[in-house]
PDB file of N, CA and C in Angstrom:
ATOM      1  N   MET A   1      19.904 -91.258 -25.202  1.00  0.00           N
ATOM      2  CA  MET A   1      19.849 -90.331 -24.086  1.00  0.00           C
ATOM      3  C   MET A   1      18.501 -89.628 -24.115  1.00  0.00           C
ATOM      4  N   LEU A   2      18.085 -89.127 -22.989  1.00  0.00           N
ATOM      5  CA  LEU A   2      16.862 -88.343 -22.937  1.00  0.00           C
ATOM      6  C   LEU A   2      17.239 -86.871 -22.911  1.00  0.00           C
ATOM      7  N   ALA A   3      16.626 -86.104 -23.796  1.00  0.00           N
ATOM      8  CA  ALA A   3      16.815 -84.656 -23.813  1.00  0.00           C
ATOM      9  C   ALA A   3      15.467 -84.006 -23.556  1.00  0.00           C
ATOM     10  N   LEU A   4      15.455 -83.036 -22.680  1.00  0.00           N
ATOM     11  CA  LEU A   4      14.258 -82.266 -22.386  1.00  0.00           C
ATOM     12  C   LEU A   4      14.388 -80.949 -23.132  1.00  0.00           C
ATOM     13  N   ILE A   5      13.409 -80.641 -23.969  1.00  0.00           N
ATOM     14  CA  ILE A   5      13.450 -79.427 -24.774  1.00  0.00           C
ATOM     15  C   ILE A   5      12.270 -78.553 -24.394  1.00  0.00           C
ATOM     16  N   SER A   6      12.574 -77.320 -24.016  1.00  0.00           N
ATOM     17  CA  SER A   6      11.521 -76.353 -23.699  1.00  0.00           C
ATOM     18  C   SER A   6      11.750 -75.115 -24.551  1.00  0.00           C
ATOM     19  N   TYR A   7      10.658 -74.471 -24.909  1.00  0.00           N
ATOM     20  CA  TYR A   7      10.804 -73.296 -25.763  1.00  0.00           C
ATOM     21  C   TYR A   7       9.762 -72.252 -25.420  1.00  0.00           C
ATOM     22  N   ASP A   8      10.117 -71.024 -25.717  1.00  0.00           N
ATOM     23  CA  ASP A   8       9.231 -69.879 -25.554  1.00  0.00           C
ATOM     24  C   ASP A   8       9.361 -69.069 -26.841  1.00  0.00           C
ATOM     25  N   VAL A   9       8.359 -69.172 -27.685  1.00  0.00           N
ATOM     26  CA  VAL A   9       8.370 -68.489 -28.975  1.00  0.00           C
ATOM     27  C   VAL A   9       7.371 -67.343 -28.921  1.00  0.00           C
ATOM     28  N   GLU A  10       7.819 -66.171 -29.309  1.00  0.00           N
ATOM     29  CA  GLU A  10       6.976 -64.973 -29.328  1.00  0.00           C
ATOM     30  C   GLU A  10       5.810 -65.208 -30.288  1.00  0.00           C
ATOM     31  N   THR A  11       4.587 -64.984 -29.801  1.00  0.00           N
ATOM     32  CA  THR A  11       3.401 -65.267 -30.625  1.00  0.00           C
ATOM     33  C   THR A  11       2.503 -64.058 -30.813  1.00  0.00           C
ATOM     34  N   SER A  12       3.024 -62.861 -30.629  1.00  0.00           N
ATOM     35  CA  SER A  12       2.187 -61.672 -30.811  1.00  0.00           C
ATOM     36  C   SER A  12       2.008 -61.320 -32.285  1.00  0.00           C
ATOM     37  N   SER A  13       2.773 -61.961 -33.156  1.00  0.00           N
ATOM     38  CA  SER A  13       2.640 -61.717 -34.598  1.00  0.00           C
ATOM     39  C   SER A  13       2.277 -63.023 -35.295  1.00  0.00           C
ATOM     40  N   ALA A  14       1.779 -62.903 -36.523  1.00  0.00           N
ATOM     41  CA  ALA A  14       1.445 -64.094 -37.312  1.00  0.00           C
ATOM     42  C   ALA A  14       2.694 -64.914 -37.589  1.00  0.00           C
ATOM     43  N   ASP A  15       3.820 -64.234 -37.822  1.00  0.00           N
ATOM     44  CA  ASP A  15       5.078 -64.927 -38.074  1.00  0.00           C
ATOM     45  C   ASP A  15       5.524 -65.712 -36.840  1.00  0.00           C
ATOM     46  N   GLY A  16       5.327 -65.127 -35.664  1.00  0.00           N
ATOM     47  CA  GLY A  16       5.686 -65.813 -34.424  1.00  0.00           C
ATOM     48  C   GLY A  16       4.838 -67.060 -34.209  1.00  0.00           C
ATOM     49  N   LYS A  17       3.547 -66.972 -34.491  1.00  0.00           N
ATOM     50  CA  LYS A  17       2.664 -68.135 -34.358  1.00  0.00           C
ATOM     51  C   LYS A  17       3.080 -69.239 -35.318  1.00  0.00           C
ATOM     52  N   LYS A  18       3.514 -68.853 -36.503  1.00  0.00           N
ATOM     53  CA  LYS A  18       3.984 -69.822 -37.489  1.00  0.00           C
ATOM     54  C   LYS A  18       5.263 -70.507 -36.993  1.00  0.00           C
ATOM     55  N   ARG A  19       6.184 -69.730 -36.422  1.00  0.00           N
ATOM     56  CA  ARG A  19       7.415 -70.297 -35.863  1.00  0.00           C
ATOM     57  C   ARG A  19       7.094 -71.273 -34.729  1.00  0.00           C
ATOM     58  N   LEU A  20       6.147 -70.906 -33.889  1.00  0.00           N
ATOM     59  CA  LEU A  20       5.753 -71.763 -32.768  1.00  0.00           C
ATOM     60  C   LEU A  20       5.277 -73.117 -33.281  1.00  0.00           C
ATOM     61  N   ARG A  21       4.408 -73.113 -34.293  1.00  0.00           N
ATOM     62  CA  ARG A  21       3.906 -74.365 -34.853  1.00  0.00           C
ATOM     63  C   ARG A  21       5.037 -75.199 -35.458  1.00  0.00           C
ATOM     64  N   LYS A  22       5.971 -74.530 -36.130  1.00  0.00           N
ATOM     65  CA  LYS A  22       7.089 -75.248 -36.755  1.00  0.00           C
ATOM     66  C   LYS A  22       8.009 -75.877 -35.716  1.00  0.00           C
ATOM     67  N   VAL A  23       8.303 -75.150 -34.645  1.00  0.00           N
ATOM     68  CA  VAL A  23       9.155 -75.711 -33.589  1.00  0.00           C
ATOM     69  C   VAL A  23       8.466 -76.922 -32.964  1.00  0.00           C
ATOM     70  N   ALA A  24       7.183 -76.796 -32.657  1.00  0.00           N
ATOM     71  CA  ALA A  24       6.443 -77.913 -32.064  1.00  0.00           C
ATOM     72  C   ALA A  24       6.433 -79.115 -32.997  1.00  0.00           C
ATOM     73  N   LYS A  25       6.243 -78.874 -34.282  1.00  0.00           N
ATOM     74  CA  LYS A  25       6.211 -79.964 -35.259  1.00  0.00           C
ATOM     75  C   LYS A  25       7.553 -80.698 -35.307  1.00  0.00           C
ATOM     76  N   GLU A  26       8.646 -79.963 -35.277  1.00  0.00           N
ATOM     77  CA  GLU A  26       9.963 -80.604 -35.276  1.00  0.00           C
ATOM     78  C   GLU A  26      10.167 -81.418 -34.002  1.00  0.00           C
ATOM     79  N   CYS A  27       9.763 -80.877 -32.867  1.00  0.00           N
ATOM     80  CA  CYS A  27       9.925 -81.601 -31.603  1.00  0.00           C
ATOM     81  C   CYS A  27       9.084 -82.874 -31.580  1.00  0.00           C
ATOM     82  N   VAL A  28       7.880 -82.824 -32.137  1.00  0.00           N
ATOM     83  CA  VAL A  28       7.019 -84.006 -32.200  1.00  0.00           C
ATOM     84  C   VAL A  28       7.692 -85.109 -33.018  1.00  0.00           C
ATOM     85  N   ASN A  29       8.460 -84.727 -34.014  1.00  0.00           N
ATOM     86  CA  ASN A  29       9.157 -85.716 -34.844  1.00  0.00           C
ATOM     87  C   ASN A  29      10.220 -86.495 -34.068  1.00  0.00           C
ATOM     88  N   TYR A  30      10.658 -85.958 -32.929  1.00  0.00           N
ATOM     89  CA  TYR A  30      11.739 -86.581 -32.176  1.00  0.00           C
ATOM     90  C   TYR A  30      11.343 -87.018 -30.770  1.00  0.00           C
ATOM     91  N   GLY A  31      10.171 -86.636 -30.297  1.00  0.00           N
ATOM     92  CA  GLY A  31       9.821 -86.983 -28.923  1.00  0.00           C
ATOM     93  C   GLY A  31       8.348 -86.805 -28.643  1.00  0.00           C
ATOM     94  N   GLN A  32       8.031 -86.742 -27.365  1.00  0.00           N
ATOM     95  CA  GLN A  32       6.639 -86.602 -26.948  1.00  0.00           C
ATOM     96  C   GLN A  32       6.455 -85.329 -26.131  1.00  0.00           C
ATOM     97  N   ARG A  33       5.325 -84.684 -26.379  1.00  0.00           N
ATOM     98  CA  ARG A  33       4.988 -83.469 -25.636  1.00  0.00           C
ATOM     99  C   ARG A  33       4.557 -83.872 -24.227  1.00  0.00           C
ATOM    100  N   VAL A  34       5.161 -83.236 -23.229  1.00  0.00           N
ATOM    101  CA  VAL A  34       4.784 -83.511 -21.842  1.00  0.00           C
ATOM    102  C   VAL A  34       4.105 -82.307 -21.198  1.00  0.00           C
ATOM    103  N   GLN A  35       4.306 -81.137 -21.768  1.00  0.00           N
ATOM    104  CA  GLN A  35       3.585 -79.929 -21.384  1.00  0.00           C
ATOM    105  C   GLN A  35       3.495 -79.064 -22.641  1.00  0.00           C
ATOM    106  N   ASN A  36       2.790 -77.941 -22.566  1.00  0.00           N
ATOM    107  CA  ASN A  36       2.548 -77.154 -23.773  1.00  0.00           C
ATOM    108  C   ASN A  36       3.802 -76.893 -24.603  1.00  0.00           C
ATOM    109  N   SER A  37       4.846 -76.454 -24.006  1.00  0.00           N
ATOM    110  CA  SER A  37       6.075 -76.137 -24.743  1.00  0.00           C
ATOM    111  C   SER A  37       7.269 -76.920 -24.220  1.00  0.00           C
ATOM    112  N   VAL A  38       7.011 -78.160 -23.805  1.00  0.00           N
ATOM    113  CA  VAL A  38       8.066 -79.011 -23.258  1.00  0.00           C
ATOM    114  C   VAL A  38       7.946 -80.402 -23.881  1.00  0.00           C
ATOM    115  N   PHE A  39       9.078 -80.894 -24.379  1.00  0.00           N
ATOM    116  CA  PHE A  39       9.127 -82.211 -25.002  1.00  0.00           C
ATOM    117  C   PHE A  39      10.215 -83.053 -24.370  1.00  0.00           C
ATOM    118  N   GLU A  40       9.944 -84.359 -24.229  1.00  0.00           N
ATOM    119  CA  GLU A  40      10.947 -85.334 -23.847  1.00  0.00           C
ATOM    120  C   GLU A  40      11.317 -86.093 -25.107  1.00  0.00           C
ATOM    121  N   CYS A  41      12.594 -86.077 -25.438  1.00  0.00           N
ATOM    122  CA  CYS A  41      13.063 -86.724 -26.668  1.00  0.00           C
ATOM    123  C   CYS A  41      14.110 -87.775 -26.320  1.00  0.00           C
ATOM    124  N   ASN A  42      13.807 -89.030 -26.595  1.00  0.00           N
ATOM    125  CA  ASN A  42      14.749 -90.123 -26.364  1.00  0.00           C
ATOM    126  C   ASN A  42      15.528 -90.312 -27.663  1.00  0.00           C
ATOM    127  N   ILE A  43      16.678 -89.635 -27.777  1.00  0.00           N
ATOM    128  CA  ILE A  43      17.419 -89.547 -29.030  1.00  0.00           C
ATOM    129  C   ILE A  43      18.913 -89.711 -28.798  1.00  0.00           C
ATOM    130  N   ASN A  44      19.641 -89.892 -29.889  1.00  0.00           N
ATOM    131  CA  ASN A  44      21.098 -89.965 -29.769  1.00  0.00           C
ATOM    132  C   ASN A  44      21.707 -88.606 -30.120  1.00  0.00           C
ATOM    133  N   GLU A  45      23.016 -88.489 -29.992  1.00  0.00           N
ATOM    134  CA  GLU A  45      23.699 -87.199 -30.225  1.00  0.00           C
ATOM    135  C   GLU A  45      23.506 -86.686 -31.653  1.00  0.00           C
ATOM    136  N   VAL A  46      23.538 -87.581 -32.628  1.00  0.00           N
ATOM    137  CA  VAL A  46      23.369 -87.176 -34.029  1.00  0.00           C
ATOM    138  C   VAL A  46      21.973 -86.606 -34.240  1.00  0.00           C
ATOM    139  N   GLN A  47      20.961 -87.297 -33.723  1.00  0.00           N
ATOM    140  CA  GLN A  47      19.586 -86.810 -33.852  1.00  0.00           C
ATOM    141  C   GLN A  47      19.406 -85.465 -33.150  1.00  0.00           C
ATOM    142  N   LEU A  48      20.040 -85.317 -31.987  1.00  0.00           N
ATOM    143  CA  LEU A  48      19.943 -84.055 -31.263  1.00  0.00           C
ATOM    144  C   LEU A  48      20.582 -82.922 -32.059  1.00  0.00           C
ATOM    145  N   THR A  49      21.702 -83.188 -32.668  1.00  0.00           N
ATOM    146  CA  THR A  49      22.362 -82.171 -33.494  1.00  0.00           C
ATOM    147  C   THR A  49      21.484 -81.769 -34.671  1.00  0.00           C
ATOM    148  N   ILE A  50      20.868 -82.729 -35.311  1.00  0.00           N
ATOM    149  CA  ILE A  50      19.956 -82.440 -36.425  1.00  0.00           C
ATOM    150  C   ILE A  50      18.775 -81.611 -35.946  1.00  0.00           C
ATOM    151  N   LEU A  51      18.180 -82.001 -34.815  1.00  0.00           N
ATOM    152  CA  LEU A  51      17.036 -81.265 -34.273  1.00  0.00           C
ATOM    153  C   LEU A  51      17.429 -79.839 -33.913  1.00  0.00           C
ATOM    154  N   LYS A  52      18.586 -79.657 -33.278  1.00  0.00           N
ATOM    155  CA  LYS A  52      19.034 -78.303 -32.923  1.00  0.00           C
ATOM    156  C   LYS A  52      19.210 -77.445 -34.171  1.00  0.00           C
ATOM    157  N   ASP A  53      19.802 -78.019 -35.224  1.00  0.00           N
ATOM    158  CA  ASP A  53      19.984 -77.267 -36.468  1.00  0.00           C
ATOM    159  C   ASP A  53      18.640 -76.859 -37.070  1.00  0.00           C
ATOM    160  N   LYS A  54      17.662 -77.753 -37.030  1.00  0.00           N
ATOM    161  CA  LYS A  54      16.335 -77.440 -37.558  1.00  0.00           C
ATOM    162  C   LYS A  54      15.683 -76.327 -36.744  1.00  0.00           C
ATOM    163  N   ILE A  55      15.795 -76.413 -35.424  1.00  0.00           N
ATOM    164  CA  ILE A  55      15.198 -75.388 -34.560  1.00  0.00           C
ATOM    165  C   ILE A  55      15.880 -74.041 -34.785  1.00  0.00           C
ATOM    166  N   LYS A  56      17.206 -74.040 -34.900  1.00  0.00           N
ATOM    167  CA  LYS A  56      17.937 -72.794 -35.156  1.00  0.00           C
ATOM    168  C   LYS A  56      17.496 -72.133 -36.444  1.00  0.00           C
ATOM    169  N   SER A  57      17.140 -72.934 -37.441  1.00  0.00           N
ATOM    170  CA  SER A  57      16.707 -72.378 -38.722  1.00  0.00           C
ATOM    171  C   SER A  57      15.284 -71.826 -38.667  1.00  0.00           C
ATOM    172  N   ILE A  58      14.527 -72.198 -37.639  1.00  0.00           N
ATOM    173  CA  ILE A  58      13.127 -71.768 -37.515  1.00  0.00           C
ATOM    174  C   ILE A  58      12.977 -70.525 -36.650  1.00  0.00           C
ATOM    175  N   ILE A  59      13.640 -70.501 -35.509  1.00  0.00           N
ATOM    176  CA  ILE A  59      13.376 -69.445 -34.520  1.00  0.00           C
ATOM    177  C   ILE A  59      13.991 -68.107 -34.918  1.00  0.00           C
ATOM    178  N   ASN A  60      13.494 -67.083 -34.267  1.00  0.00           N
ATOM    179  CA  ASN A  60      14.088 -65.751 -34.342  1.00  0.00           C
ATOM    180  C   ASN A  60      14.909 -65.597 -33.059  1.00  0.00           C
ATOM    181  N   PRO A  61      16.234 -65.626 -33.157  1.00  0.00           N
ATOM    182  CA  PRO A  61      17.058 -65.644 -31.934  1.00  0.00           C
ATOM    183  C   PRO A  61      16.957 -64.386 -31.082  1.00  0.00           C
ATOM    184  N   THR A  62      16.405 -63.309 -31.603  1.00  0.00           N
ATOM    185  CA  THR A  62      16.239 -62.109 -30.796  1.00  0.00           C
ATOM    186  C   THR A  62      14.890 -62.083 -30.079  1.00  0.00           C
ATOM    187  N   ARG A  63      13.974 -62.965 -30.455  1.00  0.00           N
ATOM    188  CA  ARG A  63      12.633 -62.977 -29.854  1.00  0.00           C
ATOM    189  C   ARG A  63      12.262 -64.292 -29.183  1.00  0.00           C
ATOM    190  N   ASP A  64      12.889 -65.383 -29.595  1.00  0.00           N
ATOM    191  CA  ASP A  64      12.506 -66.715 -29.129  1.00  0.00           C
ATOM    192  C   ASP A  64      13.617 -67.331 -28.288  1.00  0.00           C
ATOM    193  N   SER A  65      13.237 -68.288 -27.458  1.00  0.00           N
ATOM    194  CA  SER A  65      14.199 -68.953 -26.583  1.00  0.00           C
ATOM    195  C   SER A  65      13.926 -70.454 -26.575  1.00  0.00           C
ATOM    196  N   VAL A  66      14.988 -71.237 -26.701  1.00  0.00           N
ATOM    197  CA  VAL A  66      14.893 -72.693 -26.626  1.00  0.00           C
ATOM    198  C   VAL A  66      15.958 -73.170 -25.652  1.00  0.00           C
ATOM    199  N   ARG A  67      15.559 -74.064 -24.746  1.00  0.00           N
ATOM    200  CA  ARG A  67      16.511 -74.631 -23.782  1.00  0.00           C
ATOM    201  C   ARG A  67      16.496 -76.143 -23.941  1.00  0.00           C
ATOM    202  N   ILE A  68      17.676 -76.737 -23.939  1.00  0.00           N
ATOM    203  CA  ILE A  68      17.812 -78.182 -24.088  1.00  0.00           C
ATOM    204  C   ILE A  68      18.584 -78.714 -22.881  1.00  0.00           C
ATOM    205  N   TYR A  69      17.970 -79.666 -22.198  1.00  0.00           N
ATOM    206  CA  TYR A  69      18.593 -80.293 -21.035  1.00  0.00           C
ATOM    207  C   TYR A  69      18.895 -81.741 -21.396  1.00  0.00           C
ATOM    208  N   LYS A  70      20.164 -82.115 -21.365  1.00  0.00           N
ATOM    209  CA  LYS A  70      20.563 -83.492 -21.632  1.00  0.00           C
ATOM    210  C   LYS A  70      20.524 -84.264 -20.321  1.00  0.00           C
ATOM    211  N   LEU A  71      19.593 -85.193 -20.223  1.00  0.00           N
ATOM    212  CA  LEU A  71      19.461 -85.978 -18.999  1.00  0.00           C
ATOM    213  C   LEU A  71      20.238 -87.278 -19.077  1.00  0.00           C
ATOM    214  N   GLY A  72      20.776 -87.605 -20.231  1.00  0.00           N
ATOM    215  CA  GLY A  72      21.625 -88.776 -20.378  1.00  0.00           C
ATOM    216  C   GLY A  72      20.864 -90.075 -20.502  1.00  0.00           C
ATOM    217  N   ASP A  73      21.610 -91.172 -20.386  1.00  0.00           N
ATOM    218  CA  ASP A  73      21.022 -92.499 -20.533  1.00  0.00           C
ATOM    219  C   ASP A  73      20.383 -93.003 -19.245  1.00  0.00           C
ATOM    220  N   ASN A  74      20.786 -92.474 -18.117  1.00  0.00           N
ATOM    221  CA  ASN A  74      20.257 -92.917 -16.829  1.00  0.00           C
ATOM    222  C   ASN A  74      19.196 -91.924 -16.335  1.00  0.00           C
ATOM    223  N   TRP A  75      18.307 -91.563 -17.212  1.00  0.00           N
ATOM    224  CA  TRP A  75      17.356 -90.486 -16.948  1.00  0.00           C
ATOM    225  C   TRP A  75      16.192 -90.889 -16.046  1.00  0.00           C
ATOM    226  N   ILE A  76      15.865 -92.153 -15.965  1.00  0.00           N
ATOM    227  CA  ILE A  76      14.683 -92.584 -15.200  1.00  0.00           C
ATOM    228  C   ILE A  76      14.788 -92.150 -13.747  1.00  0.00           C
ATOM    229  N   ARG A  77      15.995 -92.219 -13.169  1.00  0.00           N
ATOM    230  CA  ARG A  77      16.176 -91.803 -11.768  1.00  0.00           C
ATOM    231  C   ARG A  77      16.088 -90.296 -11.595  1.00  0.00           C
ATOM    232  N   ARG A  78      16.234 -89.539 -12.661  1.00  0.00           N
ATOM    233  CA  ARG A  78      16.311 -88.085 -12.561  1.00  0.00           C
ATOM    234  C   ARG A  78      14.978 -87.373 -12.727  1.00  0.00           C
ATOM    235  N   ILE A  79      13.920 -88.116 -13.064  1.00  0.00           N
ATOM    236  CA  ILE A  79      12.624 -87.484 -13.300  1.00  0.00           C
ATOM    237  C   ILE A  79      11.655 -87.860 -12.197  1.00  0.00           C
ATOM    238  N   GLU A  80      11.064 -86.847 -11.619  1.00  0.00           N
ATOM    239  CA  GLU A  80      10.024 -87.053 -10.611  1.00  0.00           C
ATOM    240  C   GLU A  80       8.793 -86.306 -11.092  1.00  0.00           C
ATOM    241  N   SER A  81       7.674 -86.971 -11.082  1.00  0.00           N
ATOM    242  CA  SER A  81       6.438 -86.367 -11.559  1.00  0.00           C
ATOM    243  C   SER A  81       5.434 -86.286 -10.410  1.00  0.00           C
ATOM    244  N   ILE A  82       4.777 -85.158 -10.304  1.00  0.00           N
ATOM    245  CA  ILE A  82       3.748 -84.955  -9.283  1.00  0.00           C
ATOM    246  C   ILE A  82       2.453 -84.622 -10.010  1.00  0.00           C
ATOM    247  N   GLY A  83       1.415 -85.343  -9.723  1.00  0.00           N
ATOM    248  CA  GLY A  83       0.139 -85.092 -10.391  1.00  0.00           C
ATOM    249  C   GLY A  83      -0.035 -85.976 -11.613  1.00  0.00           C
ATOM    250  N   LYS A  84      -0.885 -85.551 -12.499  1.00  0.00           N
ATOM    251  CA  LYS A  84      -1.261 -86.309 -13.684  1.00  0.00           C
ATOM    252  C   LYS A  84      -0.050 -86.604 -14.563  1.00  0.00           C
ATOM    253  N   GLU A  85       0.117 -87.865 -14.937  1.00  0.00           N
ATOM    254  CA  GLU A  85       1.188 -88.259 -15.847  1.00  0.00           C
ATOM    255  C   GLU A  85       0.806 -87.831 -17.262  1.00  0.00           C
ATOM    256  N   THR A  86       1.721 -87.155 -17.934  1.00  0.00           N
ATOM    257  CA  THR A  86       1.446 -86.693 -19.291  1.00  0.00           C
ATOM    258  C   THR A  86       2.348 -87.364 -20.310  1.00  0.00           C
ATOM    259  N   SER A  87       3.129 -88.348 -19.875  1.00  0.00           N
ATOM    260  CA  SER A  87       4.032 -89.025 -20.790  1.00  0.00           C
ATOM    261  C   SER A  87       4.138 -90.488 -20.406  1.00  0.00           C
ATOM    262  N   PHE A  88       4.835 -91.239 -21.241  1.00  0.00           N
ATOM    263  CA  PHE A  88       5.101 -92.631 -20.932  1.00  0.00           C
ATOM    264  C   PHE A  88       6.556 -92.927 -21.239  1.00  0.00           C
ATOM    265  N   ASN A  89       7.064 -93.984 -20.638  1.00  0.00           N
ATOM    266  CA  ASN A  89       8.450 -94.386 -20.819  1.00  0.00           C
ATOM    267  C   ASN A  89       8.592 -95.043 -22.192  1.00  0.00           C
ATOM    268  N   THR A  90       9.288 -94.395 -23.093  1.00  0.00           N
ATOM    269  CA  THR A  90       9.434 -94.921 -24.452  1.00  0.00           C
ATOM    270  C   THR A  90      10.345 -96.134 -24.503  1.00  0.00           C
ATOM    271  N   ASP A  91      11.113 -96.385 -23.449  1.00  0.00           N
ATOM    272  CA  ASP A  91      11.972 -97.571 -23.396  1.00  0.00           C
ATOM    273  C   ASP A  91      11.274 -98.746 -22.718  1.00  0.00           C
ATOM    274  N   GLY A  92      10.181 -98.477 -22.043  1.00  0.00           N
ATOM    275  CA  GLY A  92       9.490 -99.539 -21.309  1.00  0.00           C
ATOM    276  C   GLY A  92       8.562-100.349 -22.201  1.00  0.00           C
ATOM    277  N   GLU A  93       7.872-101.294 -21.587  1.00  0.00           N
ATOM    278  CA  GLU A  93       6.927-102.132 -22.313  1.00  0.00           C
ATOM    279  C   GLU A  93       5.669-101.336 -22.606  1.00  0.00           C
ATOM    280  N   LEU A  94       5.110-101.541 -23.786  1.00  0.00           N
ATOM    281  CA  LEU A  94       3.868-100.891 -24.193  1.00  0.00           C
ATOM    282  C   LEU A  94       2.846-101.963 -24.479  1.00  0.00           C
ATOM    283  N   ILE A  95       1.760-101.945 -23.740  1.00  0.00           N
ATOM    284  CA  ILE A  95       0.690-102.929 -23.921  1.00  0.00           C
ATOM    285  C   ILE A  95      -0.485-102.225 -24.588  1.00  0.00           C
ATOM    286  N   ILE A  96      -0.901-102.792 -25.698  1.00  0.00           N
ATOM    287  CA  ILE A  96      -2.004-102.176 -26.461  1.00  0.00           C
ATOM    288  C   ILE A  96      -3.238-103.003 -26.326  1.00  0.00           C
TER     289      ILE A  96
END
């Protein structure tokens, strides 16, 4: 399934900047960055549960916000992009 993960981590403190880097690093392990704080992750339910647990252990729930949108397996029809493409279809053919 494709999950869209967006986050807003408070960065006015050194600790907040550290949390921001950690959240981004975890998201990179599971997907691709499509905007500054937005990732597309083509993962299964188990992987999503693991990622959510890791993110919960990193963020400060009173200062930070993470939103996860499950787009499912039929996600290609649900995404429309306007302007510069910042991602690629991880299920499609890749020519190097």
